[in-house]
Protein backbone atom coordinates (compact mmCIF):
# COMPACT_ATOMS: atom_id res chain seq x y z
CA LEU A 1 -8.06 10.36 -8.71
CA ALA A 2 -9.53 13.56 -8.58
CA LEU A 3 -8.41 16.23 -7.71
CA ASP A 4 -9.69 19.25 -6.49
CA GLY A 5 -9.40 22.09 -8.94
CA GLU A 6 -8.35 20.17 -11.77
CA ARG A 7 -10.14 19.43 -14.86
CA GLU A 8 -7.95 16.05 -16.26
CA PRO A 9 -8.16 12.75 -13.27
CA LEU A 10 -5.04 12.07 -12.02
CA ARG A 11 -3.68 8.30 -12.64
CA ALA A 12 -1.94 7.05 -9.41
CA VAL A 13 -1.15 3.50 -7.64
CA PHE A 14 -1.53 3.88 -4.02
CA ILE A 15 0.93 2.07 -1.26
CA ARG A 16 -0.53 0.40 1.12
CA ALA A 17 -0.93 3.45 3.98
CA PRO A 18 -2.55 4.43 7.24
CA ARG A 19 -6.11 5.80 6.15
CA PHE A 20 -6.80 9.30 7.38
CA THR A 21 -9.87 8.75 10.18
CA ALA A 22 -10.92 12.25 10.74
CA THR A 23 -9.34 16.20 9.70
CA GLY A 24 -9.05 19.14 12.03
CA PRO A 25 -9.21 22.54 11.58
CA GLY A 26 -6.15 23.49 9.65
CA VAL A 27 -6.29 20.93 7.21
CA GLU A 28 -6.99 20.65 3.58
CA VAL A 29 -8.35 17.97 1.90
CA LEU A 30 -6.45 18.02 -1.70
CA ALA A 31 -8.07 14.53 -3.09
CA ARG A 32 -11.06 11.90 -2.26
CA LEU A 33 -10.92 8.47 -3.53
CA ASP A 34 -14.73 6.92 -2.56
CA ASP A 35 -15.37 10.07 -0.69
CA GLU A 36 -12.65 9.53 2.16
CA PRO A 37 -9.50 11.45 2.02
CA VAL A 38 -6.45 10.45 0.10
CA LEU A 39 -4.18 13.68 -0.49
CA VAL A 40 -3.84 16.35 2.44
CA LEU A 41 -2.05 19.50 3.41
CA GLN A 42 -1.86 21.40 7.33
CA ASP A 43 0.83 24.13 6.72
CA ASN A 44 4.21 22.31 5.16
CA ILE A 45 3.45 19.06 5.87
């Protein structure tokens, strides 16, 4: 998994979880897998 701003990829295991279908204002995408957001941040959530 490539994290924005990091040189080395992060090895990760994913559980079945809902996909992010859209991101709105104030949401920062921190990581993508196959061009889909898999890690996001909004305020402190």
